[in-house]
Amino acid sequence: MKKNLHTRSENITRSIGTKIILTIVIMAAALTPQFVNAQVKVVPPDSIQYLGTLYQKIKPKPAYPKVVGYVSFILPLETLTLSTGKFAPNFSSHTSTIGFPIGVNVLYSDKFGFSYELTPTVKASGGSSKMSNLLFDPGTMFRFSHGFTIISRLAFETSGRYGFTPVFNQVYARTKDVNYFVALSLPTRFGDSQAATLGLNLQFGFTFN
């Protein structure tokens, strides 16, 4: 009788031990993936990992000075004669004018540059057209974030007029090879025995990267 009780006690002990071992194995198997995942560090794309330590990659800065060229076309919309206060449209059923600015921008930093621009102008009137003017308007560039630039240009025209032109330029699309921009300008002109004028121009173009 005692032998049977001893045998039954051993069987119960073995059964409990087996259950404990199985429980430990199951818990270890369940926790192992979490432990492994906890050991795996996700390395950000702008970092590198060396000997278990993350190091931030240094982004190369653009080399300055940088020279970029551009081509565009410009539409003179309105002209205000300052002495009379009268507006004159530059597009009508009889006359239209369009300019083709081409230039080079020398960029000295993310904030500043200098622009050299030549603008031949073609005028169509009375069924004929001709090149009516050539404008040279260099200017300083004040560059801001998000592709916005203010350019203060001087203006010298072969027609005899001169003055200055503030330009408000915005890059609206970027590609690997070119950046597309739109600009509003306010050409202010004097000289050639004419009244002073203030214009409003709309310009579209692209710069080469």
Protein backbone atom coordinates (compact mmCIF):
# COMPACT_ATOMS: atom_id res chain seq x y z
CA MET A 1 0.00 0.00 0.00
CA LYS A 2 2.78 2.34 0.93
CA LYS A 3 4.59 1.43 -2.27
CA ASN A 4 1.54 2.35 -4.36
CA LEU A 5 1.17 5.69 -2.58
CA HIS A 6 4.84 6.43 -3.11
CA THR A 7 4.57 5.54 -6.80
CA ARG A 8 1.43 7.66 -7.21
CA SER A 9 3.14 10.60 -5.49
CA GLU A 10 6.13 10.32 -7.83
CA ASN A 11 3.79 10.26 -10.85
CA ILE A 12 1.97 13.38 -9.65
CA THR A 13 5.30 15.14 -9.03
CA ARG A 14 6.56 14.21 -12.51
CA SER A 15 3.28 15.40 -14.05
CA ILE A 16 3.49 18.75 -12.28
CA GLY A 17 7.16 19.11 -13.23
CA THR A 18 6.35 18.32 -16.84
CA LYS A 19 3.57 20.92 -16.87
CA ILE A 20 5.89 23.54 -15.37
CA ILE A 21 8.58 22.82 -17.96
CA LEU A 22 6.01 22.99 -20.79
CA THR A 23 4.67 26.28 -19.42
CA ILE A 24 8.19 27.74 -19.27
CA VAL A 25 8.92 26.59 -22.84
CA ILE A 26 5.65 28.08 -24.16
CA MET A 27 6.27 31.40 -22.39
CA ALA A 28 9.84 31.51 -23.67
CA ALA A 29 8.67 30.83 -27.21
CA ALA A 30 6.04 33.58 -26.94
CA LEU A 31 8.48 36.13 -25.54
CA THR A 32 11.39 35.35 -27.85
CA PRO A 33 10.08 37.28 -30.95
CA GLN A 34 9.35 40.31 -28.79
CA PHE A 35 12.83 40.10 -27.31
CA VAL A 36 14.41 39.79 -30.75
CA ASN A 37 12.36 42.66 -32.12
CA ALA A 38 13.34 44.78 -29.15
CA GLN A 39 17.00 44.15 -30.00
CA VAL A 40 16.60 45.20 -33.64
CA LYS A 41 17.06 48.95 -34.05
CA VAL A 42 15.47 50.68 -36.98
CA VAL A 43 18.15 52.88 -38.55
CA PRO A 44 16.74 56.13 -40.02
CA PRO A 45 17.63 56.73 -43.68
CA ASP A 46 19.71 59.79 -42.76
CA SER A 47 21.80 57.82 -40.22
CA ILE A 48 24.31 54.97 -40.14
CA GLN A 49 24.96 52.40 -37.42
CA TYR A 50 28.50 51.50 -36.38
CA LEU A 51 29.35 49.19 -33.45
CA GLY A 52 25.84 49.59 -32.09
CA THR A 53 25.88 53.39 -32.18
CA LEU A 54 23.81 55.60 -34.50
CA TYR A 55 25.59 58.43 -36.28
CA GLN A 56 23.81 61.23 -38.15
CA LYS A 57 24.82 61.61 -41.77
CA ILE A 58 26.14 65.04 -42.69
CA LYS A 59 24.23 66.43 -45.65
CA PRO A 60 26.59 68.03 -48.17
CA LYS A 61 26.00 71.75 -48.55
CA PRO A 62 25.65 73.24 -52.05
CA ALA A 63 28.92 74.55 -53.40
CA TYR A 64 28.93 78.32 -53.84
CA PRO A 65 29.22 80.35 -55.91
CA LYS A 66 26.89 78.49 -58.27
CA VAL A 67 25.94 79.67 -61.77
CA VAL A 68 22.56 78.76 -63.31
CA GLY A 69 21.02 79.94 -66.55
CA TYR A 70 17.35 80.51 -67.34
CA VAL A 71 14.98 81.27 -70.20
CA SER A 72 11.48 82.71 -70.02
CA PHE A 73 8.85 84.89 -71.62
CA ILE A 74 7.23 87.99 -70.17
CA LEU A 75 3.84 89.57 -70.81
CA PRO A 76 3.45 93.31 -70.14
CA LEU A 77 -0.11 93.59 -68.83
CA GLU A 78 -0.72 97.23 -67.88
CA THR A 79 1.18 100.53 -67.87
CA LEU A 80 0.31 103.44 -65.61
CA THR A 81 1.39 106.95 -66.62
CA LEU A 82 2.26 108.51 -63.28
CA SER A 83 1.63 112.12 -64.30
CA THR A 84 -1.92 111.51 -65.56
CA GLY A 85 -2.94 108.46 -63.56
CA LYS A 86 -4.17 106.70 -66.69
CA PHE A 87 -3.77 102.98 -67.33
CA ALA A 88 -2.98 101.64 -70.80
CA PRO A 89 -3.32 97.91 -71.61
CA ASN A 90 -0.41 96.35 -73.47
CA PHE A 91 -2.68 93.87 -75.25
CA SER A 92 -5.47 94.97 -77.54
CA SER A 93 -6.99 94.05 -80.88
CA HIS A 94 -4.42 96.21 -82.64
CA THR A 95 -1.20 95.92 -80.61
CA SER A 96 0.52 93.29 -78.50
CA THR A 97 3.96 93.04 -76.94
CA ILE A 98 5.93 90.10 -75.57
CA GLY A 99 9.46 89.85 -74.17
CA PHE A 100 11.86 86.93 -73.95
CA PRO A 101 14.13 87.33 -70.91
CA ILE A 102 17.24 85.16 -70.85
CA GLY A 103 19.84 85.39 -68.16
CA VAL A 104 22.38 83.97 -65.74
CA ASN A 105 22.05 83.87 -61.96
CA VAL A 106 25.22 83.77 -59.87
CA LEU A 107 24.22 82.33 -56.48
CA TYR A 108 26.60 83.18 -53.64
CA SER A 109 24.61 81.52 -50.85
CA ASP A 110 21.16 80.25 -49.93
CA LYS A 111 20.20 83.86 -49.21
CA PHE A 112 21.91 86.01 -51.84
CA GLY A 113 22.78 86.10 -55.52
CA PHE A 114 23.18 88.37 -58.54
CA SER A 115 21.25 88.16 -61.81
CA TYR A 116 22.24 89.30 -65.29
CA GLU A 117 19.34 89.50 -67.73
CA LEU A 118 18.75 90.51 -71.36
CA THR A 119 15.22 90.91 -72.70
CA PRO A 120 14.50 91.37 -76.41
CA THR A 121 10.95 92.61 -76.98
CA VAL A 122 8.80 91.84 -80.00
CA LYS A 123 5.90 94.16 -80.84
CA ALA A 124 3.08 93.24 -83.21
CA SER A 125 0.89 96.01 -84.60
CA GLY A 126 -1.14 96.66 -87.74
CA GLY A 127 -0.49 93.23 -89.21
CA SER A 128 3.31 93.41 -88.87
CA SER A 129 5.82 92.69 -86.12
CA LYS A 130 9.33 93.78 -85.21
CA MET A 131 11.87 93.70 -82.41
CA SER A 132 11.16 97.02 -80.74
CA ASN A 133 13.49 97.09 -77.76
CA LEU A 134 16.38 95.39 -75.93
CA LEU A 135 16.51 95.63 -72.15
CA PHE A 136 19.52 95.00 -69.93
CA ASP A 137 18.48 94.71 -66.30
CA PRO A 138 20.99 93.31 -63.80
CA GLY A 139 20.00 93.03 -60.17
CA THR A 140 20.59 91.62 -56.72
CA MET A 141 18.69 88.53 -55.56
CA PHE A 142 17.39 88.10 -52.02
CA ARG A 143 16.50 84.45 -51.63
CA PHE A 144 14.04 83.08 -49.07
CA SER A 145 12.69 79.66 -48.15
CA HIS A 146 10.25 77.67 -50.29
CA GLY A 147 11.70 79.03 -53.55
CA PHE A 148 10.64 82.66 -53.09
CA THR A 149 13.03 85.39 -54.32
CA ILE A 150 12.91 89.18 -54.49
CA ILE A 151 15.07 90.71 -57.22
CA SER A 152 15.85 94.42 -57.38
CA ARG A 153 16.86 95.19 -60.97
CA LEU A 154 18.22 98.26 -62.69
CA ALA A 155 16.89 98.81 -66.22
CA PHE A 156 18.53 100.20 -69.35
CA GLU A 157 16.62 100.07 -72.65
CA THR A 158 17.81 100.68 -76.20
CA SER A 159 14.65 102.74 -76.69
CA GLY A 160 16.20 105.38 -74.43
CA ARG A 161 14.21 104.58 -71.29
CA TYR A 162 15.82 103.65 -67.97
CA GLY A 163 14.76 102.96 -64.41
CA PHE A 164 14.37 100.02 -62.04
CA THR A 165 12.26 96.87 -61.72
CA PRO A 166 11.31 95.08 -58.49
CA VAL A 167 10.61 91.40 -59.22
CA PHE A 168 8.77 88.88 -57.02
CA ASN A 169 9.73 85.38 -58.11
CA GLN A 170 8.32 82.03 -56.98
CA VAL A 171 9.47 78.51 -57.93
CA TYR A 172 6.33 76.39 -58.29
CA ALA A 173 7.74 73.07 -59.58
CA ARG A 174 11.10 71.32 -59.34
CA THR A 175 12.65 68.50 -61.36
CA LYS A 176 16.11 66.99 -61.54
CA ASP A 177 17.13 69.17 -64.48
CA VAL A 178 15.03 72.36 -64.27
CA ASN A 179 13.01 74.48 -61.83
CA TYR A 180 9.87 76.21 -63.12
CA PHE A 181 9.06 79.69 -61.87
CA VAL A 182 6.48 82.45 -62.16
CA ALA A 183 7.17 86.12 -61.44
CA LEU A 184 5.41 89.46 -61.13
CA SER A 185 7.42 92.60 -61.88
CA LEU A 186 6.77 96.34 -61.58
CA PRO A 187 8.91 98.13 -64.20
CA THR A 188 9.33 101.81 -63.40
CA ARG A 189 10.69 103.87 -66.30
CA PHE A 190 11.90 107.42 -66.94
CA GLY A 191 13.63 109.38 -69.70
CA ASP A 192 13.50 109.77 -73.48
CA SER A 193 11.31 112.90 -73.12
CA GLN A 194 8.38 110.80 -71.91
CA ALA A 195 6.36 110.77 -68.72
CA ALA A 196 7.36 108.39 -65.95
CA THR A 197 5.49 105.10 -66.05
CA LEU A 198 4.82 102.13 -63.79
CA GLY A 199 4.04 98.76 -65.37
CA LEU A 200 2.76 95.35 -64.34
CA ASN A 201 4.35 92.31 -66.00
CA LEU A 202 3.77 88.55 -65.72
CA GLN A 203 6.70 86.22 -66.40
CA PHE A 204 7.01 82.44 -66.79
CA GLY A 205 10.19 80.43 -67.26
CA PHE A 206 12.59 77.81 -65.97
CA THR A 207 16.12 77.68 -64.63
CA PHE A 208 18.65 74.96 -65.44
CA ASN A 209 19.93 73.07 -62.39
